[in-house]
Amino acid sequence: MNKQELIEAIANEVDVPKVTAAGCLDAFISTVTKVLKKKGEVRLVGFGTFATTKRKATTGRNPQTGAEIKIPASTQPKFRPGKALKEALN
């Protein structure tokens, strides 16, 4: 499912115009992004948690040349599914 299909599904589920559903989805994505940039987390009970983790700097290899390259430290987004989501899938 891509973003447009998700917007259409939300619009049909809640019975609102696609423009409204698109605005809500964009607001959700923007809000989660802002919270994660501040090193916070977003918990949606039953669905899951959006959070960040730190990745250490490492040394890797260029697959074409075999030369060593330095991979800098970074902050990575993570999603941990909640119990209800896991149970719904199994």
PDB file of N, CA and C in Angstrom:
ATOM      1  N   MET A   1       0.854  -1.170   0.000  1.00  0.00           N
ATOM      2  CA  MET A   1       0.000   0.000   0.000  1.00  0.00           C
ATOM      3  C   MET A   1       0.900   1.233   0.000  1.00  0.00           C
ATOM      4  N   ASN A   2       0.631   2.152  -0.896  1.00  0.00           N
ATOM      5  CA  ASN A   2       1.391   3.401  -0.924  1.00  0.00           C
ATOM      6  C   ASN A   2       0.593   4.503  -0.222  1.00  0.00           C
ATOM      7  N   LYS A   3       1.149   5.706  -0.207  1.00  0.00           N
ATOM      8  CA  LYS A   3       0.528   6.798   0.535  1.00  0.00           C
ATOM      9  C   LYS A   3      -0.865   7.134  -0.001  1.00  0.00           C
ATOM     10  N   GLN A   4      -1.020   7.186  -1.316  1.00  0.00           N
ATOM     11  CA  GLN A   4      -2.322   7.522  -1.895  1.00  0.00           C
ATOM     12  C   GLN A   4      -3.377   6.470  -1.562  1.00  0.00           C
ATOM     13  N   GLU A   5      -2.986   5.205  -1.583  1.00  0.00           N
ATOM     14  CA  GLU A   5      -3.917   4.136  -1.231  1.00  0.00           C
ATOM     15  C   GLU A   5      -4.289   4.211   0.249  1.00  0.00           C
ATOM     16  N   LEU A   6      -3.329   4.573   1.099  1.00  0.00           N
ATOM     17  CA  LEU A   6      -3.600   4.728   2.520  1.00  0.00           C
ATOM     18  C   LEU A   6      -4.562   5.891   2.753  1.00  0.00           C
ATOM     19  N   ILE A   7      -4.357   6.995   2.068  1.00  0.00           N
ATOM     20  CA  ILE A   7      -5.255   8.148   2.187  1.00  0.00           C
ATOM     21  C   ILE A   7      -6.670   7.760   1.782  1.00  0.00           C
ATOM     22  N   GLU A   8      -6.786   7.024   0.696  1.00  0.00           N
ATOM     23  CA  GLU A   8      -8.113   6.589   0.230  1.00  0.00           C
ATOM     24  C   GLU A   8      -8.769   5.658   1.250  1.00  0.00           C
ATOM     25  N   ALA A   9      -8.001   4.744   1.824  1.00  0.00           N
ATOM     26  CA  ALA A   9      -8.540   3.818   2.813  1.00  0.00           C
ATOM     27  C   ALA A   9      -8.994   4.569   4.067  1.00  0.00           C
ATOM     28  N   ILE A  10      -8.215   5.551   4.508  1.00  0.00           N
ATOM     29  CA  ILE A  10      -8.598   6.347   5.675  1.00  0.00           C
ATOM     30  C   ILE A  10      -9.868   7.135   5.378  1.00  0.00           C
ATOM     31  N   ALA A  11      -9.929   7.753   4.207  1.00  0.00           N
ATOM     32  CA  ALA A  11     -11.103   8.540   3.824  1.00  0.00           C
ATOM     33  C   ALA A  11     -12.360   7.669   3.815  1.00  0.00           C
ATOM     34  N   ASN A  12     -12.242   6.449   3.301  1.00  0.00           N
ATOM     35  CA  ASN A  12     -13.399   5.548   3.264  1.00  0.00           C
ATOM     36  C   ASN A  12     -13.776   5.057   4.654  1.00  0.00           C
ATOM     37  N   GLU A  13     -12.790   4.781   5.486  1.00  0.00           N
ATOM     38  CA  GLU A  13     -13.033   4.269   6.841  1.00  0.00           C
ATOM     39  C   GLU A  13     -13.747   5.295   7.718  1.00  0.00           C
ATOM     40  N   VAL A  14     -13.326   6.556   7.608  1.00  0.00           N
ATOM     41  CA  VAL A  14     -13.857   7.603   8.478  1.00  0.00           C
ATOM     42  C   VAL A  14     -14.957   8.412   7.785  1.00  0.00           C
ATOM     43  N   ASP A  15     -15.165   8.167   6.500  1.00  0.00           N
ATOM     44  CA  ASP A  15     -16.176   8.857   5.698  1.00  0.00           C
ATOM     45  C   ASP A  15     -15.925  10.369   5.664  1.00  0.00           C
ATOM     46  N   VAL A  16     -14.700  10.734   5.246  1.00  0.00           N
ATOM     47  CA  VAL A  16     -14.327  12.134   5.061  1.00  0.00           C
ATOM     48  C   VAL A  16     -13.737  12.270   3.662  1.00  0.00           C
ATOM     49  N   PRO A  17     -13.654  13.497   3.150  1.00  0.00           N
ATOM     50  CA  PRO A  17     -13.025  13.683   1.835  1.00  0.00           C
ATOM     51  C   PRO A  17     -11.544  13.293   1.864  1.00  0.00           C
ATOM     52  N   LYS A  18     -11.030  12.916   0.705  1.00  0.00           N
ATOM     53  CA  LYS A  18      -9.623  12.520   0.611  1.00  0.00           C
ATOM     54  C   LYS A  18      -8.685  13.650   1.033  1.00  0.00           C
ATOM     55  N   VAL A  19      -9.071  14.888   0.755  1.00  0.00           N
ATOM     56  CA  VAL A  19      -8.234  16.032   1.122  1.00  0.00           C
ATOM     57  C   VAL A  19      -8.084  16.105   2.643  1.00  0.00           C
ATOM     58  N   THR A  20      -9.161  15.855   3.360  1.00  0.00           N
ATOM     59  CA  THR A  20      -9.113  15.875   4.823  1.00  0.00           C
ATOM     60  C   THR A  20      -8.256  14.735   5.341  1.00  0.00           C
ATOM     61  N   ALA A  21      -8.433  13.554   4.773  1.00  0.00           N
ATOM     62  CA  ALA A  21      -7.641  12.396   5.184  1.00  0.00           C
ATOM     63  C   ALA A  21      -6.161  12.632   4.896  1.00  0.00           C
ATOM     64  N   ALA A  22      -5.849  13.236   3.759  1.00  0.00           N
ATOM     65  CA  ALA A  22      -4.454  13.536   3.406  1.00  0.00           C
ATOM     66  C   ALA A  22      -3.862  14.528   4.397  1.00  0.00           C
ATOM     67  N   GLY A  23      -4.627  15.532   4.784  1.00  0.00           N
ATOM     68  CA  GLY A  23      -4.159  16.511   5.765  1.00  0.00           C
ATOM     69  C   GLY A  23      -3.894  15.869   7.116  1.00  0.00           C
ATOM     70  N   CYS A  24      -4.768  14.970   7.525  1.00  0.00           N
ATOM     71  CA  CYS A  24      -4.583  14.272   8.806  1.00  0.00           C
ATOM     72  C   CYS A  24      -3.342  13.384   8.764  1.00  0.00           C
ATOM     73  N   LEU A  25      -3.152  12.662   7.686  1.00  0.00           N
ATOM     74  CA  LEU A  25      -1.982  11.791   7.565  1.00  0.00           C
ATOM     75  C   LEU A  25      -0.693  12.620   7.545  1.00  0.00           C
ATOM     76  N   ASP A  26      -0.695  13.722   6.805  1.00  0.00           N
ATOM     77  CA  ASP A  26       0.481  14.597   6.756  1.00  0.00           C
ATOM     78  C   ASP A  26       0.780  15.187   8.140  1.00  0.00           C
ATOM     79  N   ALA A  27      -0.273  15.562   8.880  1.00  0.00           N
ATOM     80  CA  ALA A  27      -0.089  16.108  10.223  1.00  0.00           C
ATOM     81  C   ALA A  27       0.485  15.043  11.158  1.00  0.00           C
ATOM     82  N   PHE A  28       0.022  13.803  11.032  1.00  0.00           N
ATOM     83  CA  PHE A  28       0.536  12.708  11.854  1.00  0.00           C
ATOM     84  C   PHE A  28       2.023  12.491  11.577  1.00  0.00           C
ATOM     85  N   ILE A  29       2.382  12.404  10.307  1.00  0.00           N
ATOM     86  CA  ILE A  29       3.783  12.190   9.924  1.00  0.00           C
ATOM     87  C   ILE A  29       4.654  13.344  10.405  1.00  0.00           C
ATOM     88  N   SER A  30       4.186  14.568  10.234  1.00  0.00           N
ATOM     89  CA  SER A  30       4.943  15.744  10.658  1.00  0.00           C
ATOM     90  C   SER A  30       5.134  15.765  12.173  1.00  0.00           C
ATOM     91  N   THR A  31       4.095  15.441  12.907  1.00  0.00           N
ATOM     92  CA  THR A  31       4.176  15.447  14.370  1.00  0.00           C
ATOM     93  C   THR A  31       5.131  14.377  14.874  1.00  0.00           C
ATOM     94  N   VAL A  32       5.040  13.169  14.331  1.00  0.00           N
ATOM     95  CA  VAL A  32       5.941  12.097  14.750  1.00  0.00           C
ATOM     96  C   VAL A  32       7.385  12.481  14.433  1.00  0.00           C
ATOM     97  N   THR A  33       7.623  13.061  13.278  1.00  0.00           N
ATOM     98  CA  THR A  33       8.967  13.482  12.888  1.00  0.00           C
ATOM     99  C   THR A  33       9.521  14.531  13.850  1.00  0.00           C
ATOM    100  N   LYS A  34       8.704  15.517  14.207  1.00  0.00           N
ATOM    101  CA  LYS A  34       9.145  16.565  15.140  1.00  0.00           C
ATOM    102  C   LYS A  34       9.491  15.978  16.501  1.00  0.00           C
ATOM    103  N   VAL A  35       8.678  15.059  17.000  1.00  0.00           N
ATOM    104  CA  VAL A  35       8.935  14.447  18.306  1.00  0.00           C
ATOM    105  C   VAL A  35      10.224  13.633  18.259  1.00  0.00           C
ATOM    106  N   LEU A  36      10.432  12.861  17.188  1.00  0.00           N
ATOM    107  CA  LEU A  36      11.646  12.046  17.077  1.00  0.00           C
ATOM    108  C   LEU A  36      12.890  12.911  16.941  1.00  0.00           C
ATOM    109  N   LYS A  37      12.792  14.056  16.272  1.00  0.00           N
ATOM    110  CA  LYS A  37      13.934  14.966  16.156  1.00  0.00           C
ATOM    111  C   LYS A  37      14.364  15.477  17.522  1.00  0.00           C
ATOM    112  N   LYS A  38      13.415  15.588  18.449  1.00  0.00           N
ATOM    113  CA  LYS A  38      13.709  16.051  19.809  1.00  0.00           C
ATOM    114  C   LYS A  38      14.084  14.893  20.726  1.00  0.00           C
ATOM    115  N   LYS A  39      14.349  13.719  20.144  1.00  0.00           N
ATOM    116  CA  LYS A  39      14.732  12.505  20.882  1.00  0.00           C
ATOM    117  C   LYS A  39      13.612  11.985  21.768  1.00  0.00           C
ATOM    118  N   GLY A  40      12.371  12.330  21.447  1.00  0.00           N
ATOM    119  CA  GLY A  40      11.220  11.830  22.190  1.00  0.00           C
ATOM    120  C   GLY A  40      10.713  10.542  21.568  1.00  0.00           C
ATOM    121  N   GLU A  41       9.575  10.080  22.058  1.00  0.00           N
ATOM    122  CA  GLU A  41       8.949   8.898  21.474  1.00  0.00           C
ATOM    123  C   GLU A  41       7.446   9.096  21.444  1.00  0.00           C
ATOM    124  N   VAL A  42       6.801   8.404  20.509  1.00  0.00           N
ATOM    125  CA  VAL A  42       5.355   8.461  20.357  1.00  0.00           C
ATOM    126  C   VAL A  42       4.816   7.061  20.629  1.00  0.00           C
ATOM    127  N   ARG A  43       3.985   6.944  21.675  1.00  0.00           N
ATOM    128  CA  ARG A  43       3.406   5.647  22.042  1.00  0.00           C
ATOM    129  C   ARG A  43       1.934   5.631  21.685  1.00  0.00           C
ATOM    130  N   LEU A  44       1.556   4.674  20.883  1.00  0.00           N
ATOM    131  CA  LEU A  44       0.158   4.457  20.537  1.00  0.00           C
ATOM    132  C   LEU A  44      -0.210   3.105  21.133  1.00  0.00           C
ATOM    133  N   VAL A  45      -0.865   3.127  22.300  1.00  0.00           N
ATOM    134  CA  VAL A  45      -1.156   1.907  23.048  1.00  0.00           C
ATOM    135  C   VAL A  45      -1.881   0.911  22.152  1.00  0.00           C
ATOM    136  N   GLY A  46      -1.356  -0.294  22.115  1.00  0.00           N
ATOM    137  CA  GLY A  46      -1.932  -1.352  21.303  1.00  0.00           C
ATOM    138  C   GLY A  46      -1.371  -1.405  19.892  1.00  0.00           C
ATOM    139  N   PHE A  47      -0.923  -0.269  19.368  1.00  0.00           N
ATOM    140  CA  PHE A  47      -0.381  -0.245  18.008  1.00  0.00           C
ATOM    141  C   PHE A  47       1.130  -0.355  18.014  1.00  0.00           C
ATOM    142  N   GLY A  48       1.798   0.538  18.736  1.00  0.00           N
ATOM    143  CA  GLY A  48       3.259   0.474  18.797  1.00  0.00           C
ATOM    144  C   GLY A  48       3.885   1.775  19.239  1.00  0.00           C
ATOM    145  N   THR A  49       5.218   1.791  19.232  1.00  0.00           N
ATOM    146  CA  THR A  49       5.980   2.946  19.693  1.00  0.00           C
ATOM    147  C   THR A  49       7.002   3.354  18.642  1.00  0.00           C
ATOM    148  N   PHE A  50       7.004   4.642  18.327  1.00  0.00           N
ATOM    149  CA  PHE A  50       8.019   5.224  17.465  1.00  0.00           C
ATOM    150  C   PHE A  50       9.070   5.836  18.384  1.00  0.00           C
ATOM    151  N   ALA A  51      10.335   5.508  18.176  1.00  0.00           N
ATOM    152  CA  ALA A  51      11.417   6.025  19.013  1.00  0.00           C
ATOM    153  C   ALA A  51      12.677   6.144  18.168  1.00  0.00           C
ATOM    154  N   THR A  52      13.762   6.610  18.788  1.00  0.00           N
ATOM    155  CA  THR A  52      15.039   6.701  18.097  1.00  0.00           C
ATOM    156  C   THR A  52      16.088   5.915  18.860  1.00  0.00           C
ATOM    157  N   THR A  53      17.109   5.473  18.149  1.00  0.00           N
ATOM    158  CA  THR A  53      18.254   4.814  18.763  1.00  0.00           C
ATOM    159  C   THR A  53      19.523   5.400  18.152  1.00  0.00           C
ATOM    160  N   LYS A  54      20.596   5.306  18.895  1.00  0.00           N
ATOM    161  CA  LYS A  54      21.892   5.790  18.408  1.00  0.00           C
ATOM    162  C   LYS A  54      22.635   4.639  17.750  1.00  0.00           C
ATOM    163  N   ARG A  55      23.235   4.906  16.616  1.00  0.00           N
ATOM    164  CA  ARG A  55      24.075   3.924  15.934  1.00  0.00           C
ATOM    165  C   ARG A  55      25.511   4.420  16.016  1.00  0.00           C
ATOM    166  N   LYS A  56      26.411   3.565  16.512  1.00  0.00           N
ATOM    167  CA  LYS A  56      27.815   3.943  16.657  1.00  0.00           C
ATOM    168  C   LYS A  56      28.489   4.084  15.298  1.00  0.00           C
ATOM    169  N   ALA A  57      29.569   4.837  15.280  1.00  0.00           N
ATOM    170  CA  ALA A  57      30.385   4.949  14.068  1.00  0.00           C
ATOM    171  C   ALA A  57      31.078   3.605  13.843  1.00  0.00           C
ATOM    172  N   THR A  58      31.135   3.170  12.615  1.00  0.00           N
ATOM    173  CA  THR A  58      31.765   1.894  12.282  1.00  0.00           C
ATOM    174  C   THR A  58      32.628   2.046  11.039  1.00  0.00           C
ATOM    175  N   THR A  59      33.369   0.992  10.760  1.00  0.00           N
ATOM    176  CA  THR A  59      34.161   0.944   9.536  1.00  0.00           C
ATOM    177  C   THR A  59      33.536  -0.103   8.627  1.00  0.00           C
ATOM    178  N   GLY A  60      33.300   0.272   7.383  1.00  0.00           N
ATOM    179  CA  GLY A  60      32.722  -0.648   6.411  1.00  0.00           C
ATOM    180  C   GLY A  60      33.635  -0.788   5.213  1.00  0.00           C
ATOM    181  N   ARG A  61      33.159  -1.497   4.227  1.00  0.00           N
ATOM    182  CA  ARG A  61      33.932  -1.676   2.998  1.00  0.00           C
ATOM    183  C   ARG A  61      33.093  -1.281   1.796  1.00  0.00           C
ATOM    184  N   ASN A  62      33.749  -0.615   0.841  1.00  0.00           N
ATOM    185  CA  ASN A  62      33.109  -0.299  -0.422  1.00  0.00           C
ATOM    186  C   ASN A  62      33.011  -1.608  -1.206  1.00  0.00           C
ATOM    187  N   PRO A  63      31.810  -2.051  -1.557  1.00  0.00           N
ATOM    188  CA  PRO A  63      31.686  -3.340  -2.232  1.00  0.00           C
ATOM    189  C   PRO A  63      32.330  -3.388  -3.622  1.00  0.00           C
ATOM    190  N   GLN A  64      32.492  -2.245  -4.268  1.00  0.00           N
ATOM    191  CA  GLN A  64      33.094  -2.227  -5.604  1.00  0.00           C
ATOM    192  C   GLN A  64      34.618  -2.283  -5.559  1.00  0.00           C
ATOM    193  N   THR A  65      35.202  -1.540  -4.608  1.00  0.00           N
ATOM    194  CA  THR A  65      36.656  -1.451  -4.581  1.00  0.00           C
ATOM    195  C   THR A  65      37.285  -2.220  -3.424  1.00  0.00           C
ATOM    196  N   GLY A  66      36.505  -2.534  -2.409  1.00  0.00           N
ATOM    197  CA  GLY A  66      37.033  -3.220  -1.241  1.00  0.00           C
ATOM    198  C   GLY A  66      37.723  -2.281  -0.269  1.00  0.00           C
ATOM    199  N   ALA A  67      37.748  -0.990  -0.587  1.00  0.00           N
ATOM    200  CA  ALA A  67      38.405  -0.010   0.279  1.00  0.00           C
ATOM    201  C   ALA A  67      37.587   0.208   1.543  1.00  0.00           C
ATOM    202  N   GLU A  68      38.291   0.419   2.657  1.00  0.00           N
ATOM    203  CA  GLU A  68      37.605   0.694   3.909  1.00  0.00           C
ATOM    204  C   GLU A  68      37.021   2.109   3.877  1.00  0.00           C
ATOM    205  N   ILE A  69      35.827   2.257   4.432  1.00  0.00           N
ATOM    206  CA  ILE A  69      35.199   3.567   4.557  1.00  0.00           C
ATOM    207  C   ILE A  69      34.695   3.722   5.985  1.00  0.00           C
ATOM    208  N   LYS A  70      34.667   4.948   6.443  1.00  0.00           N
ATOM    209  CA  LYS A  70      34.161   5.221   7.789  1.00  0.00           C
ATOM    210  C   LYS A  70      32.692   5.591   7.687  1.00  0.00           C
ATOM    211  N   ILE A  71      31.870   4.889   8.464  1.00  0.00           N
ATOM    212  CA  ILE A  71      30.446   5.172   8.521  1.00  0.00           C
ATOM    213  C   ILE A  71      30.213   5.963   9.803  1.00  0.00           C
ATOM    214  N   PRO A  72      29.753   7.217   9.690  1.00  0.00           N
ATOM    215  CA  PRO A  72      29.613   8.056  10.881  1.00  0.00           C
ATOM    216  C   PRO A  72      28.479   7.593  11.800  1.00  0.00           C
ATOM    217  N   ALA A  73      28.548   8.013  13.051  1.00  0.00           N
ATOM    218  CA  ALA A  73      27.479   7.739  14.008  1.00  0.00           C
ATOM    219  C   ALA A  73      26.220   8.461  13.541  1.00  0.00           C
ATOM    220  N   SER A  74      25.054   7.892  13.851  1.00  0.00           N
ATOM    221  CA  SER A  74      23.806   8.517  13.437  1.00  0.00           C
ATOM    222  C   SER A  74      22.673   8.126  14.387  1.00  0.00           C
ATOM    223  N   THR A  75      21.584   8.852  14.272  1.00  0.00           N
ATOM    224  CA  THR A  75      20.376   8.553  15.017  1.00  0.00           C
ATOM    225  C   THR A  75      19.395   7.896  14.049  1.00  0.00           C
ATOM    226  N   GLN A  76      18.860   6.736  14.434  1.00  0.00           N
ATOM    227  CA  GLN A  76      17.981   5.972  13.561  1.00  0.00           C
ATOM    228  C   GLN A  76      16.575   5.888  14.137  1.00  0.00           C
ATOM    229  N   PRO A  77      15.541   6.013  13.299  1.00  0.00           N
ATOM    230  CA  PRO A  77      14.181   5.825  13.798  1.00  0.00           C
ATOM    231  C   PRO A  77      13.896   4.335  13.970  1.00  0.00           C
ATOM    232  N   LYS A  78      13.090   4.004  14.974  1.00  0.00           N
ATOM    233  CA  LYS A  78      12.703   2.617  15.230  1.00  0.00           C
ATOM    234  C   LYS A  78      11.209   2.565  15.496  1.00  0.00           C
ATOM    235  N   PHE A  79      10.601   1.450  15.141  1.00  0.00           N
ATOM    236  CA  PHE A  79       9.198   1.198  15.469  1.00  0.00           C
ATOM    237  C   PHE A  79       9.107  -0.149  16.155  1.00  0.00           C
ATOM    238  N   ARG A  80       8.510  -0.166  17.345  1.00  0.00           N
ATOM    239  CA  ARG A  80       8.285  -1.412  18.066  1.00  0.00           C
ATOM    240  C   ARG A  80       6.789  -1.662  18.081  1.00  0.00           C
ATOM    241  N   PRO A  81       6.326  -2.742  17.463  1.00  0.00           N
ATOM    242  CA  PRO A  81       4.888  -3.007  17.441  1.00  0.00           C
ATOM    243  C   PRO A  81       4.354  -3.317  18.832  1.00  0.00           C
ATOM    244  N   GLY A  82       3.103  -2.932  19.070  1.00  0.00           N
ATOM    245  CA  GLY A  82       2.443  -3.190  20.341  1.00  0.00           C
ATOM    246  C   GLY A  82       1.818  -4.575  20.371  1.00  0.00           C
ATOM    247  N   LYS A  83       1.380  -4.977  21.544  1.00  0.00           N
ATOM    248  CA  LYS A  83       0.828  -6.309  21.759  1.00  0.00           C
ATOM    249  C   LYS A  83      -0.406  -6.558  20.877  1.00  0.00           C
ATOM    250  N   ALA A  84      -1.316  -5.592  20.813  1.00  0.00           N
ATOM    251  CA  ALA A  84      -2.550  -5.771  20.036  1.00  0.00           C
ATOM    252  C   ALA A  84      -2.241  -5.945  18.554  1.00  0.00           C
ATOM    253  N   LEU A  85      -1.268  -5.210  18.048  1.00  0.00           N
ATOM    254  CA  LEU A  85      -0.889  -5.331  16.628  1.00  0.00           C
ATOM    255  C   LEU A  85      -0.297  -6.701  16.368  1.00  0.00           C
ATOM    256  N   LYS A  86       0.579  -7.158  17.257  1.00  0.00           N
ATOM    257  CA  LYS A  86       1.188  -8.477  17.096  1.00  0.00           C
ATOM    258  C   LYS A  86       0.129  -9.572  17.113  1.00  0.00           C
ATOM    259  N   GLU A  87      -0.817  -9.458  18.049  1.00  0.00           N
ATOM    260  CA  GLU A  87      -1.875 -10.467  18.158  1.00  0.00           C
ATOM    261  C   GLU A  87      -2.804 -10.455  16.949  1.00  0.00           C
ATOM    262  N   ALA A  88      -3.039  -9.276  16.375  1.00  0.00           N
ATOM    263  CA  ALA A  88      -3.906  -9.172  15.202  1.00  0.00           C
ATOM    264  C   ALA A  88      -3.298  -9.875  13.995  1.00  0.00           C
ATOM    265  N   LEU A  89      -1.963  -9.945  13.953  1.00  0.00           N
ATOM    266  CA  LEU A  89      -1.280 -10.569  12.820  1.00  0.00           C
ATOM    267  C   LEU A  89      -1.116 -12.065  12.966  1.00  0.00           C
ATOM    268  N   ASN A  90      -1.232 -12.577  14.178  1.00  0.00           N
ATOM    269  CA  ASN A  90      -1.003 -14.010  14.407  1.00  0.00           C
ATOM    270  C   ASN A  90      -2.264 -14.725  14.831  1.00  0.00           C
TER     271      ASN A  90
END
